[in-house]
Protein backbone atom coordinates (compact mmCIF):
# COMPACT_ATOMS: atom_id res chain seq x y z
CA MET A 1 7.56 -9.33 15.22
CA THR A 2 4.44 -8.31 13.48
CA GLU A 3 0.84 -8.06 14.65
CA PHE A 4 -2.33 -7.11 12.82
CA TRP A 5 -5.70 -5.70 13.89
CA HIS A 6 -8.72 -6.61 11.92
CA SER A 7 -12.49 -6.43 12.91
CA ARG A 8 -15.53 -7.65 11.09
CA GLN A 9 -17.37 -4.82 12.77
CA VAL A 10 -15.17 -2.19 11.27
CA PRO A 11 -14.26 -3.97 7.82
CA HIS A 12 -12.99 -0.68 6.27
CA LEU A 13 -10.03 -0.45 8.68
CA GLU A 14 -7.02 -2.54 9.47
CA SER A 15 -3.64 -1.90 11.08
CA ARG A 16 -0.38 -3.46 11.92
CA ARG A 17 2.60 -3.01 14.13
CA SER A 18 5.98 -4.39 13.17
CA CYS A 19 9.73 -4.25 13.76
CA ARG A 20 12.34 -5.00 11.18
CA GLU A 21 16.00 -5.16 10.85
CA ASN A 22 16.55 -6.29 7.17
CA THR A 23 15.23 -5.37 3.93
CA CYS A 24 11.69 -6.98 3.63
CA TYR A 25 9.64 -5.15 1.12
CA ARG A 26 9.53 -5.14 -2.77
CA PRO A 27 7.93 -2.16 -4.33
CA HIS A 28 4.11 -2.63 -3.90
CA THR A 29 0.84 -0.73 -3.67
CA HIS A 30 -2.19 -1.03 -1.44
CA ASP A 31 -5.83 -0.89 -2.53
CA ARG A 32 -6.32 1.38 0.65
CA PHE A 33 -5.36 4.64 2.03
CA SER A 34 -2.20 4.08 4.29
CA ILE A 35 -1.03 6.10 7.22
CA GLY A 36 2.48 5.04 8.29
CA LEU A 37 4.11 5.97 11.63
CA VAL A 38 7.79 5.47 12.38
CA ASP A 39 8.21 4.66 16.16
CA SER A 40 12.07 4.18 16.26
CA GLY A 41 14.94 3.62 14.09
CA THR A 42 15.26 4.98 10.51
CA THR A 43 14.05 3.75 7.28
CA VAL A 44 14.47 4.65 3.51
CA PHE A 45 11.16 5.24 1.68
CA SER A 46 11.05 5.01 -2.16
CA GLY A 47 8.17 5.78 -4.50
CA ALA A 48 7.73 5.48 -8.24
CA ALA A 49 9.01 9.09 -8.56
CA GLY A 50 11.49 11.33 -6.81
CA ASP A 51 14.61 10.48 -4.80
CA PRO A 52 14.43 8.16 -1.75
CA ILE A 53 13.50 9.71 1.48
CA ARG A 54 15.00 8.86 4.86
CA LEU A 55 12.34 8.71 7.57
CA ALA A 56 12.92 8.72 11.23
CA ALA A 57 11.13 8.32 14.57
CA GLY A 58 8.08 10.59 14.76
CA ASP A 59 7.60 10.91 11.06
CA VAL A 60 4.16 10.29 9.40
CA ILE A 61 3.57 9.32 5.88
CA LEU A 62 0.28 9.31 4.00
CA ILE A 63 0.06 7.07 1.00
CA PRO A 64 -3.06 7.17 -1.22
CA ALA A 65 -4.29 3.90 -2.70
CA GLY A 66 -2.45 2.77 -5.79
CA HIS A 67 0.73 4.57 -5.22
CA VAL A 68 3.92 2.42 -5.56
CA HIS A 69 6.35 2.42 -2.75
CA ALA A 70 8.70 0.37 -0.68
CA CYS A 71 10.05 1.08 2.77
CA ASN A 72 12.89 -0.78 4.36
CA PRO A 73 15.33 -0.35 7.36
CA ASP A 74 18.10 2.08 6.94
CA GLU A 75 20.45 0.89 9.62
CA GLY A 76 19.59 -1.54 12.68
CA HIS A 77 16.26 -1.77 14.31
CA TRP A 78 13.12 -0.13 12.83
CA GLU A 79 9.68 -0.14 14.49
CA TYR A 80 6.69 1.21 12.71
CA GLN A 81 2.90 1.32 12.53
CA MET A 82 0.59 1.30 9.39
CA ILE A 83 -3.00 2.03 9.57
CA GLN A 84 -5.13 1.31 6.36
CA ALA A 85 -8.55 2.41 5.49
CA ASP A 86 -10.86 2.22 2.40
CA GLN A 87 -10.08 5.42 0.42
CA ASP A 88 -13.65 6.32 -0.21
CA TRP A 89 -14.27 6.36 3.59
CA ILE A 90 -11.27 8.58 4.04
CA ALA A 91 -12.43 10.84 1.13
CA ALA A 92 -15.86 11.36 2.86
CA LEU A 93 -14.11 12.58 5.92
CA LEU A 94 -12.26 15.35 4.09
CA PRO A 95 -13.54 18.88 3.27
CA PRO A 96 -12.77 20.19 -0.27
CA PRO A 97 -9.65 22.11 0.95
CA ALA A 98 -8.20 18.78 2.23
CA ALA A 99 -8.77 16.74 -0.88
CA HIS A 100 -5.02 17.20 -1.85
CA LEU A 101 -4.30 14.52 0.70
CA LEU A 102 -5.41 11.94 -1.85
CA ALA A 103 -3.25 13.33 -4.73
CA GLY A 104 0.18 12.08 -3.72
CA ILE A 105 2.37 10.81 -1.08
CA LYS A 106 3.08 13.11 1.82
CA VAL A 107 5.58 13.06 4.83
CA TYR A 108 4.81 15.01 7.87
CA ARG A 109 7.17 15.81 10.76
CA GLN A 110 4.92 17.43 13.26
CA PRO A 111 4.90 15.62 16.65
CA GLN A 112 1.30 16.37 17.28
CA ILE A 113 0.37 14.47 14.10
CA TYR A 114 2.33 11.55 15.18
CA ARG A 115 0.89 11.52 18.56
CA TRP A 116 -2.73 11.66 17.28
CA PHE A 117 -2.46 8.83 14.96
CA THR A 118 -0.56 6.69 17.43
CA ALA A 119 -3.51 7.29 19.82
CA ILE A 120 -5.90 6.07 17.09
CA ASN A 121 -4.01 3.01 16.48
CA ASN A 122 -3.76 2.28 20.28
CA THR A 123 -7.56 2.44 20.27
CA LEU A 124 -7.79 -0.06 17.48
CA PHE A 125 -5.54 -2.56 19.09
CA THR A 126 -7.31 -2.33 22.51
CA ASP A 127 -10.93 -2.32 21.45
CA ALA A 128 -12.46 -4.78 18.94
CA ALA A 129 -15.36 -2.33 18.09
CA PRO A 130 -13.73 1.05 18.69
CA SER A 131 -16.01 4.06 19.02
CA GLY A 132 -15.10 7.60 18.06
CA ILE A 133 -12.86 6.46 15.31
CA GLU A 134 -14.45 8.51 12.59
CA SER A 135 -14.04 11.80 14.50
CA GLY A 136 -10.42 10.86 15.39
CA PHE A 137 -9.48 10.20 11.79
CA ARG A 138 -11.28 13.34 10.69
CA THR A 139 -9.32 15.55 13.26
CA GLY A 140 -5.87 13.86 12.37
CA LEU A 141 -6.46 14.30 8.55
CA HIS A 142 -7.62 17.95 8.96
CA GLU A 143 -4.39 18.60 11.00
CA CYS A 144 -2.38 17.18 8.19
CA ALA A 145 -4.19 19.39 5.71
CA SER A 146 -3.41 22.41 7.78
CA VAL A 147 0.34 22.19 7.48
CA GLU A 148 2.99 21.92 4.77
CA PRO A 149 4.44 18.41 4.46
CA ALA A 150 8.18 17.90 4.68
CA HIS A 151 8.12 15.87 1.44
CA GLN A 152 5.64 15.30 -1.46
CA LEU A 153 5.68 12.65 -4.19
CA VAL A 154 3.18 12.79 -7.10
CA THR A 155 2.88 9.85 -9.52
CA CYS A 156 1.99 9.98 -13.22
CA SER A 157 -1.65 10.56 -14.29
CA ASP A 158 -1.39 10.46 -17.99
CA GLN A 159 -4.87 9.55 -19.10
CA GLU A 160 -3.94 9.03 -22.74
CA LEU A 161 -1.20 6.46 -21.72
CA LEU A 162 -3.66 4.80 -19.37
CA ALA A 163 -6.14 4.35 -22.25
CA ARG A 164 -3.43 2.94 -24.54
CA LEU A 165 -2.24 0.42 -21.88
CA ASP A 166 -5.73 -0.48 -20.75
CA PRO A 167 -5.86 -3.70 -22.98
CA VAL A 168 -2.51 -4.71 -21.45
CA LEU A 169 -3.82 -4.27 -17.90
CA ARG A 170 -6.97 -6.18 -18.66
CA ARG A 171 -4.91 -9.18 -20.18
CA LEU A 172 -2.70 -9.11 -17.11
CA ARG A 173 -5.64 -9.29 -14.79
CA GLN A 174 -7.53 -11.96 -16.60
CA ASP A 175 -4.99 -14.51 -17.87
CA GLU A 176 -4.37 -17.51 -15.55
CA SER A 177 -0.78 -17.51 -16.35
CA ASN A 178 1.89 -14.81 -17.17
CA PRO A 179 1.14 -13.65 -20.86
CA PRO A 180 4.17 -13.34 -23.17
CA LEU A 181 5.70 -9.87 -23.19
CA ALA A 182 5.56 -9.82 -27.06
CA GLU A 183 1.82 -10.22 -27.04
CA LEU A 184 1.30 -7.51 -24.43
CA ALA A 185 3.50 -5.15 -26.38
CA GLU A 186 1.34 -5.91 -29.58
CA LEU A 187 -1.81 -5.02 -27.58
CA ALA A 188 -0.48 -1.57 -26.91
CA GLY A 189 1.04 -1.07 -30.31
CA MET A 190 4.50 -0.85 -28.82
CA GLY A 191 7.81 -2.62 -28.78
CA ARG A 192 8.66 -4.75 -25.77
CA TYR A 193 11.15 -2.31 -24.12
CA GLN A 194 8.79 0.65 -24.97
CA LEU A 195 5.98 -1.15 -23.29
CA ILE A 196 8.19 -1.81 -20.12
CA ARG A 197 9.13 1.84 -19.97
CA ALA A 198 5.53 2.97 -20.37
CA MET A 199 4.25 0.56 -17.78
CA LYS A 200 6.83 1.89 -15.26
CA ARG A 201 6.07 5.40 -16.03
CA LEU A 202 2.27 4.80 -15.49
CA THR A 203 2.28 2.31 -12.71
CA GLY A 204 5.81 2.06 -11.24
CA PHE A 205 5.97 -1.63 -12.36
CA ALA A 206 7.09 -3.64 -15.20
CA PRO A 207 4.17 -5.66 -16.60
CA LEU A 208 4.66 -9.07 -14.77
CA ALA A 209 5.50 -7.13 -11.57
CA TRP A 210 2.21 -5.19 -11.84
CA ARG A 211 0.38 -8.52 -12.23
CA GLN A 212 2.05 -10.02 -9.20
CA ASN A 213 1.13 -6.89 -7.18
CA GLU A 214 -2.42 -7.02 -8.20
CA ARG A 215 -2.73 -10.65 -7.19
CA VAL A 216 -1.20 -9.94 -3.71
CA THR A 217 -3.74 -7.08 -3.22
CA ALA A 218 -6.64 -9.36 -4.12
CA SER A 219 -5.28 -12.01 -1.85
CA ARG A 220 -5.37 -9.46 1.06
CA ARG A 221 -8.97 -8.77 0.43
CA MET A 222 -9.83 -12.50 0.21
CA LEU A 223 -7.96 -13.24 3.41
CA ARG A 224 -9.63 -10.29 5.32
CA GLU A 225 -12.98 -11.86 4.34
CA GLY A 226 -11.99 -15.04 5.91
CA ARG A 227 -11.17 -17.23 2.87
CA ALA A 228 -8.88 -20.17 3.31
CA LEU A 229 -5.25 -19.97 2.16
CA ALA A 230 -5.56 -22.89 -0.28
CA GLU A 231 -8.73 -21.43 -1.67
CA THR A 232 -7.15 -18.03 -2.14
CA ALA A 233 -3.97 -19.28 -3.63
CA HIS A 234 -6.07 -21.48 -6.14
CA ALA A 235 -8.40 -18.79 -7.08
CA LEU A 236 -5.53 -16.27 -7.89
CA GLY A 237 -3.61 -18.71 -10.09
CA PHE A 238 -0.65 -19.51 -7.78
CA VAL A 239 1.09 -22.72 -8.63
CA ASP A 240 0.71 -23.88 -4.98
CA GLN A 241 0.61 -22.60 -1.45
CA SER A 242 4.20 -22.55 -1.19
CA HIS A 243 4.42 -20.22 -4.20
CA PHE A 244 1.65 -18.01 -2.81
CA HIS A 245 3.46 -17.83 0.51
CA ARG A 246 6.76 -16.68 -1.15
CA VAL A 247 5.08 -13.99 -3.25
CA PHE A 248 2.91 -12.79 -0.31
CA ARG A 249 5.74 -12.50 1.98
CA ALA A 250 7.82 -10.54 -0.62
CA HIS A 251 5.13 -7.86 -0.77
CA VAL A 252 3.63 -7.90 2.83
CA ALA A 253 6.77 -8.96 5.02
CA THR A 254 4.70 -11.52 6.67
CA SER A 255 2.98 -14.92 5.78
CA PRO A 256 -0.60 -15.18 4.62
CA GLY A 257 -1.55 -17.27 7.69
CA THR A 258 -0.34 -14.39 10.03
CA TYR A 259 -2.05 -11.76 8.05
CA ARG A 260 -5.35 -13.67 8.09
CA GLY A 261 -5.01 -14.21 11.81
């Protein structure tokens, strides 16, 4: 079961509640700041760096935009919540001492943090135009900033490598079909396997997996805006709606139609 909350009156926020029993997520990123809450069961979280982390009921995980991750059930039934917000909006709520919350993935195991964000999410699902949300987020984030996380994951921020791979990323974004790996490697002045290793170091993805993730991220933005499924699939270069459906479900663990609502 999965349910989503969206509001045209509060476009910078969205949320979901889900329960899962099987592996459902490929590694992926979000273009928004994510706050995950584990309600019951256990799950294994993996990022682009570091060892997998087992999360249990009451854990809260903060994932800044652009950080590769996947989270799948460990054993049995797993229930969770995921609140997502535009990262610029989140950044505006943080005083300078709390800016480190945007620097990497963090896991918290303080009951009060879980209760606070659960209360915020309950407000979202019961009020189409929730009031007091900004102050609620500010308080919850300040609480996170005041304690040490149980785990932290920091991804690569190699600006020299980013500059070298920029032509590759632009080609992957712009081409209507998957560009040949040999041509991408030539753009970066690398061998094919060297390019794959460099892309994984910088982004957490191999080149074509990065392209697929970018298309799913773009499709979520379009669906939130109310665009039709067929229009979205065509605009992003999917072969047909069936192909779009399969790729979207692999990243979001639900269908495009359910996500759009």
